[in-house]
PDB file of N, CA and C in Angstrom:
ATOM      1  N   UNK A   1      10.953  16.437  -9.826  1.00  0.00           N
ATOM      2  CA  UNK A   1      10.092  15.806  -8.642  1.00  0.00           C
ATOM      3  C   UNK A   1      11.040  15.577  -7.650  1.00  0.00           C
ATOM      4  N   UNK A   2       9.930  15.951  -6.841  1.00  0.00           N
ATOM      5  CA  UNK A   2      10.677  16.587  -5.257  1.00  0.00           C
ATOM      6  C   UNK A   2      11.087  15.434  -4.813  1.00  0.00           C
ATOM      7  N   UNK A   3      12.446  15.496  -4.029  1.00  0.00           N
ATOM      8  CA  UNK A   3      12.893  14.334  -3.130  1.00  0.00           C
ATOM      9  C   UNK A   3      12.084  13.622  -1.671  1.00  0.00           C
ATOM     10  N   UNK A   4      12.146  12.847  -1.443  1.00  0.00           N
ATOM     11  CA  UNK A   4      10.975  12.570  -0.320  1.00  0.00           C
ATOM     12  C   UNK A   4      12.351  12.999   1.173  1.00  0.00           C
ATOM     13  N   UNK A   5      11.356  13.829   1.909  1.00  0.00           N
ATOM     14  CA  UNK A   5      11.869  13.995   3.419  1.00  0.00           C
ATOM     15  C   UNK A   5      11.134  13.247   4.052  1.00  0.00           C
ATOM     16  N   UNK A   6      10.543  13.012   4.310  1.00  0.00           N
ATOM     17  CA  UNK A   6       9.284  12.451   5.348  1.00  0.00           C
ATOM     18  C   UNK A   6       8.549  10.962   5.171  1.00  0.00           C
ATOM     19  N   UNK A   7       8.571  10.124   6.185  1.00  0.00           N
ATOM     20  CA  UNK A   7       7.987   9.053   5.778  1.00  0.00           C
ATOM     21  C   UNK A   7       7.141   8.604   6.752  1.00  0.00           C
ATOM     22  N   UNK A   8       5.547   8.696   6.990  1.00  0.00           N
ATOM     23  CA  UNK A   8       5.084   7.651   7.848  1.00  0.00           C
ATOM     24  C   UNK A   8       5.186   6.458   7.817  1.00  0.00           C
ATOM     25  N   UNK A   9       5.967   5.619   8.770  1.00  0.00           N
ATOM     26  CA  UNK A   9       5.594   4.184   8.860  1.00  0.00           C
ATOM     27  C   UNK A   9       5.034   3.227  10.237  1.00  0.00           C
ATOM     28  N   UNK A  10       4.098   2.414   9.797  1.00  0.00           N
ATOM     29  CA  UNK A  10       3.097   2.020  10.993  1.00  0.00           C
ATOM     30  C   UNK A  10       2.814   0.972   9.731  1.00  0.00           C
ATOM     31  N   UNK A  11       2.766  -0.710  10.454  1.00  0.00           N
ATOM     32  CA  UNK A  11       2.365  -1.963   9.563  1.00  0.00           C
ATOM     33  C   UNK A  11       2.503  -2.270  11.075  1.00  0.00           C
ATOM     34  N   UNK A  12       0.896  -3.523  10.442  1.00  0.00           N
ATOM     35  CA  UNK A  12       1.185  -4.508  11.197  1.00  0.00           C
ATOM     36  C   UNK A  12       1.917  -5.903  11.160  1.00  0.00           C
ATOM     37  N   UNK A  13       2.003  -5.884  10.037  1.00  0.00           N
ATOM     38  CA  UNK A  13       3.045  -7.105   9.469  1.00  0.00           C
ATOM     39  C   UNK A  13       4.815  -6.564   9.692  1.00  0.00           C
ATOM     40  N   UNK A  14       5.589  -7.001  10.234  1.00  0.00           N
ATOM     41  CA  UNK A  14       7.146  -6.450  10.348  1.00  0.00           C
ATOM     42  C   UNK A  14       7.516  -6.951  10.103  1.00  0.00           C
ATOM     43  N   UNK A  15       7.427  -7.933   9.118  1.00  0.00           N
ATOM     44  CA  UNK A  15       8.639  -8.617   8.097  1.00  0.00           C
ATOM     45  C   UNK A  15       9.518  -6.738   7.208  1.00  0.00           C
ATOM     46  N   UNK A  16      10.307  -7.874   7.154  1.00  0.00           N
ATOM     47  CA  UNK A  16      11.525  -6.677   6.357  1.00  0.00           C
ATOM     48  C   UNK A  16      11.293  -5.390   6.139  1.00  0.00           C
ATOM     49  N   UNK A  17      10.842  -4.792   7.526  1.00  0.00           N
ATOM     50  CA  UNK A  17      10.483  -2.886   7.875  1.00  0.00           C
ATOM     51  C   UNK A  17      11.538  -2.591   8.473  1.00  0.00           C
ATOM     52  N   UNK A  18      12.532  -3.461   9.403  1.00  0.00           N
ATOM     53  CA  UNK A  18      13.513  -3.031   9.286  1.00  0.00           C
ATOM     54  C   UNK A  18      14.986  -2.306   8.455  1.00  0.00           C
ATOM     55  N   UNK A  19      14.962  -3.270   7.502  1.00  0.00           N
ATOM     56  CA  UNK A  19      15.301  -2.999   5.982  1.00  0.00           C
ATOM     57  C   UNK A  19      15.319  -2.168   5.175  1.00  0.00           C
ATOM     58  N   UNK A  20      13.640  -1.596   5.763  1.00  0.00           N
ATOM     59  CA  UNK A  20      13.486  -0.921   4.600  1.00  0.00           C
ATOM     60  C   UNK A  20      13.651   0.495   5.253  1.00  0.00           C
ATOM     61  N   UNK A  21      13.017   0.466   6.648  1.00  0.00           N
ATOM     62  CA  UNK A  21      13.476   1.808   7.039  1.00  0.00           C
ATOM     63  C   UNK A  21      14.798   2.222   6.613  1.00  0.00           C
ATOM     64  N   UNK A  22      15.911   1.396   7.158  1.00  0.00           N
ATOM     65  CA  UNK A  22      17.086   1.596   7.041  1.00  0.00           C
ATOM     66  C   UNK A  22      17.531   2.242   5.952  1.00  0.00           C
ATOM     67  N   UNK A  23      17.101   1.758   4.967  1.00  0.00           N
ATOM     68  CA  UNK A  23      17.635   2.382   3.665  1.00  0.00           C
ATOM     69  C   UNK A  23      17.097   4.087   3.393  1.00  0.00           C
ATOM     70  N   UNK A  24      15.599   3.666   3.920  1.00  0.00           N
ATOM     71  CA  UNK A  24      15.138   5.200   4.304  1.00  0.00           C
ATOM     72  C   UNK A  24      15.775   5.966   5.095  1.00  0.00           C
ATOM     73  N   UNK A  25      16.247   5.683   6.128  1.00  0.00           N
ATOM     74  CA  UNK A  25      17.220   6.525   6.497  1.00  0.00           C
ATOM     75  C   UNK A  25      18.487   6.767   5.820  1.00  0.00           C
ATOM     76  N   UNK A  26      19.206   6.191   5.424  1.00  0.00           N
ATOM     77  CA  UNK A  26      20.444   6.197   4.172  1.00  0.00           C
ATOM     78  C   UNK A  26      20.376   7.481   3.681  1.00  0.00           C
ATOM     79  N   UNK A  27      18.751   7.502   3.156  1.00  0.00           N
ATOM     80  CA  UNK A  27      18.844   8.550   1.560  1.00  0.00           C
ATOM     81  C   UNK A  27      18.137  10.084   2.425  1.00  0.00           C
ATOM     82  N   UNK A  28      18.560   9.628   3.672  1.00  0.00           N
ATOM     83  CA  UNK A  28      18.144  10.819   4.354  1.00  0.00           C
ATOM     84  C   UNK A  28      16.719  11.209   4.477  1.00  0.00           C
ATOM     85  N   UNK A  29      15.989  10.464   5.291  1.00  0.00           N
ATOM     86  CA  UNK A  29      14.422  10.183   4.724  1.00  0.00           C
ATOM     87  C   UNK A  29      13.989  10.321   6.309  1.00  0.00           C
ATOM     88  N   UNK A  30      13.525  11.508   7.192  1.00  0.00           N
ATOM     89  CA  UNK A  30      12.904  11.244   8.140  1.00  0.00           C
ATOM     90  C   UNK A  30      11.840  10.665   8.383  1.00  0.00           C
ATOM     91  N   UNK A  31      12.141   9.774   9.365  1.00  0.00           N
ATOM     92  CA  UNK A  31      11.135   8.725   9.864  1.00  0.00           C
ATOM     93  C   UNK A  31      10.093   8.889  10.732  1.00  0.00           C
ATOM     94  N   UNK A  32       9.074   8.598  10.994  1.00  0.00           N
ATOM     95  CA  UNK A  32       7.662   8.982  12.125  1.00  0.00           C
ATOM     96  C   UNK A  32       7.137   7.580  11.755  1.00  0.00           C
ATOM     97  N   UNK A  33       6.920   7.077  13.170  1.00  0.00           N
ATOM     98  CA  UNK A  33       5.834   5.812  13.108  1.00  0.00           C
ATOM     99  C   UNK A  33       5.561   6.316  14.287  1.00  0.00           C
ATOM    100  N   UNK A  34       4.242   5.064  14.583  1.00  0.00           N
ATOM    101  CA  UNK A  34       3.612   4.796  16.037  1.00  0.00           C
ATOM    102  C   UNK A  34       4.342   3.751  16.881  1.00  0.00           C
ATOM    103  N   UNK A  35       3.634   3.386  17.748  1.00  0.00           N
ATOM    104  CA  UNK A  35       3.344   2.099  18.852  1.00  0.00           C
ATOM    105  C   UNK A  35       4.605   1.258  18.248  1.00  0.00           C
ATOM    106  N   UNK A  36       3.857   0.041  17.742  1.00  0.00           N
ATOM    107  CA  UNK A  36       5.079  -1.133  17.783  1.00  0.00           C
ATOM    108  C   UNK A  36       6.381  -1.002  17.143  1.00  0.00           C
ATOM    109  N   UNK A  37       5.775  -0.446  15.504  1.00  0.00           N
ATOM    110  CA  UNK A  37       6.533  -0.488  14.707  1.00  0.00           C
ATOM    111  C   UNK A  37       7.682   0.952  14.786  1.00  0.00           C
ATOM    112  N   UNK A  38       7.156   1.757  15.850  1.00  0.00           N
ATOM    113  CA  UNK A  38       8.541   3.353  16.501  1.00  0.00           C
ATOM    114  C   UNK A  38       9.265   2.057  17.359  1.00  0.00           C
ATOM    115  N   UNK A  39       8.330   1.585  18.424  1.00  0.00           N
ATOM    116  CA  UNK A  39       9.939   0.263  19.132  1.00  0.00           C
ATOM    117  C   UNK A  39      10.738  -0.727  18.229  1.00  0.00           C
ATOM    118  N   UNK A  40      10.374  -0.917  17.411  1.00  0.00           N
ATOM    119  CA  UNK A  40      11.063  -2.118  16.514  1.00  0.00           C
ATOM    120  C   UNK A  40      12.267  -0.906  16.013  1.00  0.00           C
ATOM    121  N   UNK A  41      11.737  -0.201  15.134  1.00  0.00           N
ATOM    122  CA  UNK A  41      12.873   1.200  14.969  1.00  0.00           C
ATOM    123  C   UNK A  41      14.477   1.389  15.484  1.00  0.00           C
ATOM    124  N   UNK A  42      13.120   1.680  16.249  1.00  0.00           N
ATOM    125  CA  UNK A  42      14.187   2.625  17.573  1.00  0.00           C
ATOM    126  C   UNK A  42      15.124   0.885  18.086  1.00  0.00           C
ATOM    127  N   UNK A  43      14.772  -0.224  18.259  1.00  0.00           N
ATOM    128  CA  UNK A  43      15.648  -0.910  18.527  1.00  0.00           C
ATOM    129  C   UNK A  43      16.388  -1.086  17.917  1.00  0.00           C
ATOM    130  N   UNK A  44      16.428  -0.964  16.496  1.00  0.00           N
ATOM    131  CA  UNK A  44      17.288  -1.435  15.634  1.00  0.00           C
ATOM    132  C   UNK A  44      18.405  -0.270  15.345  1.00  0.00           C
ATOM    133  N   UNK A  45      18.151   0.452  16.358  1.00  0.00           N
ATOM    134  CA  UNK A  45      18.993   1.748  16.116  1.00  0.00           C
ATOM    135  C   UNK A  45      18.574   2.375  14.376  1.00  0.00           C
ATOM    136  N   UNK A  46      17.477   2.988  14.517  1.00  0.00           N
ATOM    137  CA  UNK A  46      17.501   3.555  13.639  1.00  0.00           C
ATOM    138  C   UNK A  46      16.410   5.001  14.258  1.00  0.00           C
ATOM    139  N   UNK A  47      17.171   6.038  13.161  1.00  0.00           N
ATOM    140  CA  UNK A  47      16.728   7.127  14.051  1.00  0.00           C
ATOM    141  C   UNK A  47      15.298   7.695  13.309  1.00  0.00           C
ATOM    142  N   UNK A  48      14.117   7.727  14.334  1.00  0.00           N
ATOM    143  CA  UNK A  48      12.902   7.810  13.885  1.00  0.00           C
ATOM    144  C   UNK A  48      12.376   8.429  15.515  1.00  0.00           C
ATOM    145  N   UNK A  49      11.096   9.243  15.441  1.00  0.00           N
ATOM    146  CA  UNK A  49      10.449   9.815  15.810  1.00  0.00           C
ATOM    147  C   UNK A  49       8.959   9.487  16.018  1.00  0.00           C
ATOM    148  N   UNK A  50       8.779   9.217  17.298  1.00  0.00           N
ATOM    149  CA  UNK A  50       7.229   9.013  17.600  1.00  0.00           C
ATOM    150  C   UNK A  50       6.086   9.972  17.076  1.00  0.00           C
ATOM    151  N   UNK A  51       4.593   9.026  16.584  1.00  0.00           N
ATOM    152  CA  UNK A  51       4.083  10.813  15.626  1.00  0.00           C
ATOM    153  C   UNK A  51       3.407  11.602  16.752  1.00  0.00           C
ATOM    154  N   UNK A  52       3.108  10.743  17.801  1.00  0.00           N
ATOM    155  CA  UNK A  52       3.179  11.437  18.759  1.00  0.00           C
ATOM    156  C   UNK A  52       4.081  12.842  19.249  1.00  0.00           C
ATOM    157  N   UNK A  53       5.107  12.972  19.393  1.00  0.00           N
ATOM    158  CA  UNK A  53       5.967  13.381  19.143  1.00  0.00           C
ATOM    159  C   UNK A  53       6.184  14.413  19.030  1.00  0.00           C
ATOM    160  N   UNK A  54       5.939  14.301  17.501  1.00  0.00           N
ATOM    161  CA  UNK A  54       6.012  15.277  16.199  1.00  0.00           C
ATOM    162  C   UNK A  54       4.896  16.365  15.971  1.00  0.00           C
ATOM    163  N   UNK A  55       4.039  15.221  16.695  1.00  0.00           N
ATOM    164  CA  UNK A  55       2.190  16.184  16.443  1.00  0.00           C
ATOM    165  C   UNK A  55       2.190  16.934  17.839  1.00  0.00           C
ATOM    166  N   UNK A  56       2.634  16.525  18.907  1.00  0.00           N
ATOM    167  CA  UNK A  56       2.242  17.310  20.542  1.00  0.00           C
ATOM    168  C   UNK A  56       1.227  16.765  20.806  1.00  0.00           C
ATOM    169  N   UNK A  57       0.569  15.378  19.996  1.00  0.00           N
ATOM    170  CA  UNK A  57      -0.774  14.863  20.676  1.00  0.00           C
ATOM    171  C   UNK A  57      -0.702  13.556  20.788  1.00  0.00           C
ATOM    172  N   UNK A  58      -1.101  13.515  21.837  1.00  0.00           N
ATOM    173  CA  UNK A  58      -0.834  11.575  22.214  1.00  0.00           C
ATOM    174  C   UNK A  58      -1.500  10.883  21.688  1.00  0.00           C
TER     175      UNK A  58
END
């Protein structure tokens, strides 16, 4: 089975998302996110890349 290298996280209900993303990050998963989810993860000091930065499109 191939390891997960990258995950896209974009949710409306942010309950528990910080803990979930932190665990993914600890496993070495690169996290991509959008809008409000991106801001919450960034504020929690979780390494995250905004989707538009990754794709080069706004």
